[in-house]
């Protein structure tokens, strides 16, 4: 059984964990919608690239590149802020852990992986589409 001073912290941790998962799901849905909108805007460009010989891998890499830069920028801005806030919060505990750069890098890598998986679903679908369908009325 945990000490009495830790009891409230455990419940707060469960609540924070629940809302963190909820925030990640909402962020993935937003990224999914943004990628669908961006790909729809670039559908003719994708068709032209396919006609000129681009492979599915090339098109997927091209579409994922923009989102990788955005997520990378978010990680670069968010990691120092997260470290500062976590460091301040952890100073209130008598027994605390150190926040290492490896922990922040692994969280950033996980965020990048989730973004790639979210965007790649739309990118692969667009890259496999018949280019005649997007260029029919041009």
N, C-alpha and C. Protein backbone atom coordinates (compact mmCIF):
# COMPACT_ATOMS: atom_id res chain seq x y z
N UNK A 1 0.84 -1.18 0.00
CA UNK A 1 0.00 0.00 0.00
C UNK A 1 0.88 1.24 0.00
N UNK A 2 0.47 2.25 -0.71
CA UNK A 2 1.24 3.48 -0.83
C UNK A 2 1.08 4.34 0.42
N UNK A 3 2.08 5.17 0.72
CA UNK A 3 1.95 6.09 1.85
C UNK A 3 0.79 7.06 1.64
N UNK A 4 0.31 7.63 2.74
CA UNK A 4 -0.87 8.51 2.68
C UNK A 4 -0.61 9.75 1.85
N UNK A 5 0.62 10.29 1.89
CA UNK A 5 0.89 11.51 1.14
C UNK A 5 0.88 11.27 -0.37
N UNK A 6 1.02 10.01 -0.77
CA UNK A 6 1.05 9.68 -2.19
C UNK A 6 -0.33 9.34 -2.75
N UNK A 7 -1.31 9.13 -1.88
CA UNK A 7 -2.63 8.68 -2.31
C UNK A 7 -3.29 9.66 -3.28
N UNK A 8 -3.30 10.95 -2.96
CA UNK A 8 -3.90 11.95 -3.85
C UNK A 8 -3.16 12.08 -5.16
N UNK A 9 -1.85 11.88 -5.11
CA UNK A 9 -1.04 11.99 -6.31
C UNK A 9 -1.34 10.85 -7.28
N UNK A 10 -1.62 9.67 -6.76
CA UNK A 10 -1.95 8.54 -7.63
C UNK A 10 -3.25 8.79 -8.39
N UNK A 11 -4.24 9.34 -7.72
CA UNK A 11 -5.50 9.65 -8.39
C UNK A 11 -5.32 10.77 -9.42
N UNK A 12 -4.51 11.75 -9.07
CA UNK A 12 -4.23 12.82 -10.03
C UNK A 12 -3.48 12.26 -11.24
N UNK A 13 -2.59 11.31 -11.00
CA UNK A 13 -1.86 10.68 -12.10
C UNK A 13 -2.77 9.92 -13.04
N UNK A 14 -3.75 9.23 -12.49
CA UNK A 14 -4.73 8.52 -13.33
C UNK A 14 -5.54 9.50 -14.17
N UNK A 15 -5.96 10.59 -13.57
CA UNK A 15 -6.74 11.59 -14.30
C UNK A 15 -5.90 12.24 -15.39
N UNK A 16 -4.66 12.58 -15.07
CA UNK A 16 -3.77 13.18 -16.08
C UNK A 16 -3.51 12.19 -17.21
N UNK A 17 -3.30 10.92 -16.88
CA UNK A 17 -3.09 9.91 -17.90
C UNK A 17 -4.28 9.75 -18.83
N UNK A 18 -5.48 9.75 -18.26
CA UNK A 18 -6.69 9.65 -19.07
C UNK A 18 -6.81 10.83 -20.02
N UNK A 19 -6.62 12.04 -19.50
CA UNK A 19 -6.75 13.21 -20.36
C UNK A 19 -5.60 13.33 -21.36
N UNK A 20 -4.44 12.79 -21.03
CA UNK A 20 -3.33 12.78 -21.98
C UNK A 20 -3.66 11.88 -23.17
N UNK A 21 -4.21 10.70 -22.89
CA UNK A 21 -4.61 9.79 -23.98
C UNK A 21 -5.71 10.43 -24.82
N UNK A 22 -6.65 11.08 -24.17
CA UNK A 22 -7.72 11.77 -24.88
C UNK A 22 -7.16 12.89 -25.76
N UNK A 23 -6.21 13.65 -25.25
CA UNK A 23 -5.59 14.73 -26.03
C UNK A 23 -4.82 14.18 -27.23
N UNK A 24 -4.14 13.05 -27.04
CA UNK A 24 -3.41 12.44 -28.15
C UNK A 24 -4.37 11.97 -29.23
N UNK A 25 -5.49 11.38 -28.85
CA UNK A 25 -6.48 10.94 -29.83
C UNK A 25 -7.07 12.12 -30.60
N UNK A 26 -7.37 13.20 -29.91
CA UNK A 26 -7.91 14.39 -30.58
C UNK A 26 -6.86 14.98 -31.52
N UNK A 27 -5.60 15.01 -31.08
CA UNK A 27 -4.53 15.52 -31.94
C UNK A 27 -4.36 14.66 -33.19
N UNK A 28 -4.44 13.34 -33.04
CA UNK A 28 -4.34 12.46 -34.20
C UNK A 28 -5.51 12.65 -35.16
N UNK A 29 -6.70 12.84 -34.62
CA UNK A 29 -7.86 13.12 -35.48
C UNK A 29 -7.68 14.43 -36.23
N UNK A 30 -7.17 15.44 -35.56
CA UNK A 30 -6.91 16.72 -36.22
C UNK A 30 -5.85 16.59 -37.30
N UNK A 31 -4.79 15.85 -37.02
CA UNK A 31 -3.74 15.62 -38.00
C UNK A 31 -4.26 14.81 -39.18
N UNK A 32 -5.12 13.86 -38.91
CA UNK A 32 -5.74 13.06 -39.96
C UNK A 32 -6.58 13.96 -40.88
N UNK A 33 -7.38 14.84 -40.29
CA UNK A 33 -8.19 15.76 -41.08
C UNK A 33 -7.35 16.74 -41.87
N UNK A 34 -6.30 17.27 -41.25
CA UNK A 34 -5.42 18.21 -41.95
C UNK A 34 -4.70 17.53 -43.10
N UNK A 35 -4.26 16.29 -42.90
CA UNK A 35 -3.59 15.59 -43.98
C UNK A 35 -4.56 15.27 -45.11
N UNK A 36 -5.80 14.92 -44.78
CA UNK A 36 -6.80 14.66 -45.82
C UNK A 36 -7.06 15.92 -46.63
N UNK A 37 -7.17 17.06 -45.96
CA UNK A 37 -7.41 18.33 -46.65
C UNK A 37 -6.22 18.70 -47.53
N UNK A 38 -5.01 18.57 -47.00
CA UNK A 38 -3.81 18.92 -47.75
C UNK A 38 -3.66 18.03 -48.98
N UNK A 39 -3.90 16.75 -48.82
CA UNK A 39 -3.77 15.82 -49.95
C UNK A 39 -4.84 16.12 -51.00
N UNK A 40 -6.04 16.45 -50.56
CA UNK A 40 -7.10 16.79 -51.51
C UNK A 40 -6.73 18.04 -52.32
N UNK A 41 -6.06 18.99 -51.69
CA UNK A 41 -5.63 20.19 -52.39
C UNK A 41 -4.51 19.90 -53.39
N UNK A 42 -3.74 18.86 -53.14
CA UNK A 42 -2.58 18.54 -53.99
C UNK A 42 -2.83 17.33 -54.88
N UNK A 43 -4.08 16.95 -55.08
CA UNK A 43 -4.39 15.73 -55.81
C UNK A 43 -3.94 15.80 -57.28
N UNK A 44 -4.05 16.97 -57.88
CA UNK A 44 -3.60 17.11 -59.28
C UNK A 44 -2.08 17.00 -59.37
N UNK A 45 -1.39 17.59 -58.40
CA UNK A 45 0.07 17.48 -58.37
C UNK A 45 0.49 16.02 -58.23
N UNK A 46 -0.20 15.28 -57.40
CA UNK A 46 0.11 13.86 -57.22
C UNK A 46 -0.13 13.11 -58.52
N UNK A 47 -1.22 13.42 -59.21
CA UNK A 47 -1.52 12.78 -60.48
C UNK A 47 -0.45 13.05 -61.52
N UNK A 48 0.01 14.29 -61.61
CA UNK A 48 1.06 14.64 -62.57
C UNK A 48 2.36 13.91 -62.22
N UNK A 49 2.69 13.88 -60.96
CA UNK A 49 3.91 13.17 -60.54
C UNK A 49 3.84 11.68 -60.88
N UNK A 50 2.66 11.08 -60.68
CA UNK A 50 2.50 9.66 -61.00
C UNK A 50 2.63 9.42 -62.50
N UNK A 51 2.04 10.31 -63.30
CA UNK A 51 2.14 10.16 -64.76
C UNK A 51 3.59 10.28 -65.21
N UNK A 52 4.35 11.16 -64.56
CA UNK A 52 5.75 11.36 -64.93
C UNK A 52 6.69 10.32 -64.33
N UNK A 53 6.15 9.32 -63.62
CA UNK A 53 6.96 8.20 -63.19
C UNK A 53 7.28 8.12 -61.71
N UNK A 54 6.68 8.93 -60.89
CA UNK A 54 6.96 8.85 -59.45
C UNK A 54 6.37 7.56 -58.88
N UNK A 55 7.11 6.95 -57.99
CA UNK A 55 6.62 5.72 -57.35
C UNK A 55 5.76 6.08 -56.15
N UNK A 56 5.09 5.07 -55.62
CA UNK A 56 4.26 5.27 -54.43
C UNK A 56 5.12 5.76 -53.28
N UNK A 57 6.31 5.20 -53.14
CA UNK A 57 7.23 5.60 -52.07
C UNK A 57 7.61 7.06 -52.19
N UNK A 58 7.89 7.51 -53.41
CA UNK A 58 8.26 8.92 -53.62
C UNK A 58 7.12 9.85 -53.23
N UNK A 59 5.92 9.50 -53.61
CA UNK A 59 4.76 10.35 -53.31
C UNK A 59 4.48 10.36 -51.81
N UNK A 60 4.56 9.21 -51.17
CA UNK A 60 4.33 9.14 -49.72
C UNK A 60 5.39 9.95 -48.98
N UNK A 61 6.65 9.83 -49.39
CA UNK A 61 7.72 10.61 -48.76
C UNK A 61 7.48 12.10 -48.94
N UNK A 62 7.07 12.51 -50.12
CA UNK A 62 6.80 13.93 -50.39
C UNK A 62 5.68 14.46 -49.50
N UNK A 63 4.62 13.70 -49.37
CA UNK A 63 3.48 14.15 -48.57
C UNK A 63 3.79 14.13 -47.07
N UNK A 64 4.57 13.15 -46.62
CA UNK A 64 4.90 13.06 -45.19
C UNK A 64 5.96 14.08 -44.78
N UNK A 65 6.74 14.55 -45.73
CA UNK A 65 7.83 15.47 -45.42
C UNK A 65 7.33 16.76 -44.77
N UNK A 66 6.26 17.32 -45.27
CA UNK A 66 5.71 18.57 -44.72
C UNK A 66 5.26 18.38 -43.27
N UNK A 67 4.58 17.28 -43.01
CA UNK A 67 4.09 17.03 -41.65
C UNK A 67 5.23 16.68 -40.70
N UNK A 68 6.28 16.04 -41.22
CA UNK A 68 7.44 15.74 -40.39
C UNK A 68 8.10 17.03 -39.91
N UNK A 69 8.21 18.01 -40.80
CA UNK A 69 8.79 19.30 -40.41
C UNK A 69 7.93 19.99 -39.35
N UNK A 70 6.61 19.95 -39.51
CA UNK A 70 5.73 20.60 -38.54
C UNK A 70 5.80 19.92 -37.18
N UNK A 71 5.78 18.60 -37.17
CA UNK A 71 5.85 17.87 -35.90
C UNK A 71 7.23 18.05 -35.27
N UNK A 72 8.27 18.05 -36.08
CA UNK A 72 9.62 18.30 -35.56
C UNK A 72 9.76 19.67 -34.93
N UNK A 73 9.15 20.67 -35.55
CA UNK A 73 9.16 22.01 -34.98
C UNK A 73 8.40 22.04 -33.65
N UNK A 74 7.27 21.34 -33.61
CA UNK A 74 6.51 21.26 -32.36
C UNK A 74 7.29 20.58 -31.25
N UNK A 75 8.03 19.54 -31.60
CA UNK A 75 8.85 18.84 -30.60
C UNK A 75 9.98 19.75 -30.12
N UNK A 76 10.61 20.47 -31.05
CA UNK A 76 11.71 21.36 -30.68
C UNK A 76 11.25 22.48 -29.76
N UNK A 77 10.04 22.96 -29.95
CA UNK A 77 9.50 24.02 -29.09
C UNK A 77 8.97 23.43 -27.79
N UNK A 78 8.32 22.29 -27.87
CA UNK A 78 7.65 21.72 -26.70
C UNK A 78 8.57 21.01 -25.72
N UNK A 79 9.67 20.44 -26.17
CA UNK A 79 10.54 19.68 -25.27
C UNK A 79 11.16 20.55 -24.17
N UNK A 80 11.72 21.72 -24.48
CA UNK A 80 12.26 22.54 -23.38
C UNK A 80 11.17 23.01 -22.41
N UNK A 81 10.01 23.33 -22.93
CA UNK A 81 8.90 23.76 -22.07
C UNK A 81 8.47 22.60 -21.17
N UNK A 82 8.37 21.41 -21.74
CA UNK A 82 7.99 20.23 -20.95
C UNK A 82 9.03 19.94 -19.88
N UNK A 83 10.32 20.04 -20.24
CA UNK A 83 11.36 19.79 -19.25
C UNK A 83 11.27 20.80 -18.11
N UNK A 84 11.09 22.07 -18.43
CA UNK A 84 11.00 23.11 -17.40
C UNK A 84 9.81 22.88 -16.47
N UNK A 85 8.64 22.61 -17.05
CA UNK A 85 7.45 22.41 -16.23
C UNK A 85 7.55 21.14 -15.38
N UNK A 86 8.07 20.06 -15.96
CA UNK A 86 8.23 18.82 -15.19
C UNK A 86 9.25 19.00 -14.07
N UNK A 87 10.33 19.71 -14.35
CA UNK A 87 11.35 19.95 -13.34
C UNK A 87 10.77 20.75 -12.17
N UNK A 88 9.99 21.77 -12.49
CA UNK A 88 9.36 22.57 -11.44
C UNK A 88 8.36 21.75 -10.63
N UNK A 89 7.59 20.93 -11.31
CA UNK A 89 6.58 20.12 -10.62
C UNK A 89 7.24 19.08 -9.72
N UNK A 90 8.31 18.47 -10.20
CA UNK A 90 8.97 17.40 -9.44
C UNK A 90 9.73 17.93 -8.22
N UNK A 91 10.05 19.20 -8.17
CA UNK A 91 10.74 19.74 -7.00
C UNK A 91 9.85 19.73 -5.76
N UNK A 92 8.55 19.58 -5.94
CA UNK A 92 7.63 19.56 -4.80
C UNK A 92 7.61 18.21 -4.09
N UNK A 93 8.20 17.18 -4.66
CA UNK A 93 8.16 15.84 -4.08
C UNK A 93 9.44 15.56 -3.29
N UNK A 94 9.31 14.85 -2.18
CA UNK A 94 10.51 14.52 -1.41
C UNK A 94 11.42 13.52 -2.13
N UNK A 95 10.82 12.59 -2.86
CA UNK A 95 11.58 11.63 -3.66
C UNK A 95 11.23 11.89 -5.12
N UNK A 96 12.21 12.26 -5.90
CA UNK A 96 11.92 12.62 -7.28
C UNK A 96 12.90 11.94 -8.24
N UNK A 97 12.50 11.93 -9.48
CA UNK A 97 13.35 11.37 -10.52
C UNK A 97 13.93 12.52 -11.33
N UNK A 98 14.98 12.25 -12.06
CA UNK A 98 15.57 13.24 -12.94
C UNK A 98 14.97 13.08 -14.33
N UNK A 99 14.68 14.18 -14.97
CA UNK A 99 14.18 14.16 -16.34
C UNK A 99 15.40 14.21 -17.26
N UNK A 100 15.63 13.15 -17.99
CA UNK A 100 16.80 13.08 -18.87
C UNK A 100 16.43 13.48 -20.29
N UNK A 101 17.45 13.78 -21.06
CA UNK A 101 17.24 14.11 -22.47
C UNK A 101 16.74 12.90 -23.24
N UNK A 102 17.16 11.71 -22.82
CA UNK A 102 16.70 10.49 -23.48
C UNK A 102 15.20 10.29 -23.35
N UNK A 103 14.66 10.64 -22.20
CA UNK A 103 13.21 10.54 -22.00
C UNK A 103 12.47 11.49 -22.94
N UNK A 104 12.96 12.72 -23.03
CA UNK A 104 12.32 13.69 -23.92
C UNK A 104 12.47 13.28 -25.38
N UNK A 105 13.63 12.73 -25.74
CA UNK A 105 13.83 12.30 -27.13
C UNK A 105 12.95 11.10 -27.47
N UNK A 106 12.78 10.19 -26.53
CA UNK A 106 11.91 9.04 -26.81
C UNK A 106 10.45 9.47 -26.93
N UNK A 107 10.02 10.43 -26.12
CA UNK A 107 8.66 10.95 -26.25
C UNK A 107 8.48 11.67 -27.59
N UNK A 108 9.49 12.44 -27.99
CA UNK A 108 9.43 13.11 -29.29
C UNK A 108 9.41 12.11 -30.43
N UNK A 109 10.21 11.06 -30.32
CA UNK A 109 10.21 10.02 -31.34
C UNK A 109 8.87 9.30 -31.43
N UNK A 110 8.26 9.06 -30.29
CA UNK A 110 6.94 8.43 -30.28
C UNK A 110 5.89 9.35 -30.92
N UNK A 111 5.98 10.64 -30.64
CA UNK A 111 5.06 11.60 -31.26
C UNK A 111 5.25 11.64 -32.77
N UNK A 112 6.50 11.59 -33.21
CA UNK A 112 6.79 11.59 -34.64
C UNK A 112 6.29 10.31 -35.30
N UNK A 113 6.45 9.19 -34.63
CA UNK A 113 5.95 7.91 -35.16
C UNK A 113 4.43 7.93 -35.29
N UNK A 114 3.76 8.45 -34.28
CA UNK A 114 2.29 8.53 -34.34
C UNK A 114 1.85 9.45 -35.47
N UNK A 115 2.56 10.54 -35.68
CA UNK A 115 2.22 11.45 -36.77
C UNK A 115 2.44 10.77 -38.12
N UNK A 116 3.54 10.04 -38.26
CA UNK A 116 3.80 9.33 -39.51
C UNK A 116 2.72 8.30 -39.79
N UNK A 117 2.33 7.55 -38.78
CA UNK A 117 1.28 6.55 -38.99
C UNK A 117 -0.05 7.20 -39.36
N UNK A 118 -0.36 8.32 -38.72
CA UNK A 118 -1.62 9.01 -39.00
C UNK A 118 -1.63 9.57 -40.42
N UNK A 119 -0.55 10.22 -40.82
CA UNK A 119 -0.49 10.86 -42.14
C UNK A 119 -0.27 9.82 -43.24
N UNK A 120 0.48 8.77 -42.95
CA UNK A 120 0.78 7.77 -43.98
C UNK A 120 -0.46 7.06 -44.47
N UNK A 121 -1.45 6.90 -43.63
CA UNK A 121 -2.69 6.26 -44.06
C UNK A 121 -3.29 7.03 -45.24
N UNK A 122 -3.38 8.34 -45.11
CA UNK A 122 -3.91 9.17 -46.20
C UNK A 122 -2.94 9.24 -47.38
N UNK A 123 -1.64 9.33 -47.09
CA UNK A 123 -0.64 9.46 -48.15
C UNK A 123 -0.60 8.22 -49.04
N UNK A 124 -0.64 7.06 -48.44
CA UNK A 124 -0.59 5.82 -49.23
C UNK A 124 -1.84 5.69 -50.08
N UNK A 125 -2.98 6.06 -49.52
CA UNK A 125 -4.23 6.00 -50.29
C UNK A 125 -4.16 6.94 -51.50
N UNK A 126 -3.63 8.14 -51.31
CA UNK A 126 -3.52 9.09 -52.42
C UNK A 126 -2.47 8.64 -53.43
N UNK A 127 -1.38 8.06 -52.96
CA UNK A 127 -0.31 7.64 -53.87
C UNK A 127 -0.71 6.44 -54.71
N UNK A 128 -1.60 5.61 -54.22
CA UNK A 128 -2.03 4.43 -54.96
C UNK A 128 -3.20 4.72 -55.90
N UNK A 129 -3.75 5.92 -55.82
CA UNK A 129 -4.89 6.28 -56.65
C UNK A 129 -4.48 6.37 -58.13
N UNK A 130 -5.40 6.03 -59.00
CA UNK A 130 -5.15 6.11 -60.44
C UNK A 130 -4.99 7.58 -60.83
N UNK A 131 -3.87 7.96 -61.49
CA UNK A 131 -3.67 9.37 -61.85
C UNK A 131 -4.68 9.88 -62.87
N UNK A 132 -5.27 9.00 -63.65
CA UNK A 132 -6.27 9.42 -64.63
C UNK A 132 -7.48 10.02 -63.92
N UNK A 133 -7.80 9.49 -62.77
CA UNK A 133 -8.95 9.98 -62.01
C UNK A 133 -8.78 11.45 -61.60
N UNK A 134 -7.56 11.84 -61.23
CA UNK A 134 -7.34 13.21 -60.79
C UNK A 134 -7.10 14.16 -61.96
N UNK A 135 -6.70 13.65 -63.11
CA UNK A 135 -6.38 14.52 -64.25
C UNK A 135 -7.44 14.46 -65.35
N UNK A 136 -8.54 13.82 -65.13
CA UNK A 136 -9.54 13.60 -66.16
C UNK A 136 -10.08 14.91 -66.74
N UNK A 137 -10.31 15.90 -65.92
CA UNK A 137 -10.96 17.12 -66.37
C UNK A 137 -9.97 18.25 -66.65
N UNK A 138 -8.71 17.94 -66.80
CA UNK A 138 -7.70 18.97 -67.09
C UNK A 138 -7.41 19.00 -68.57
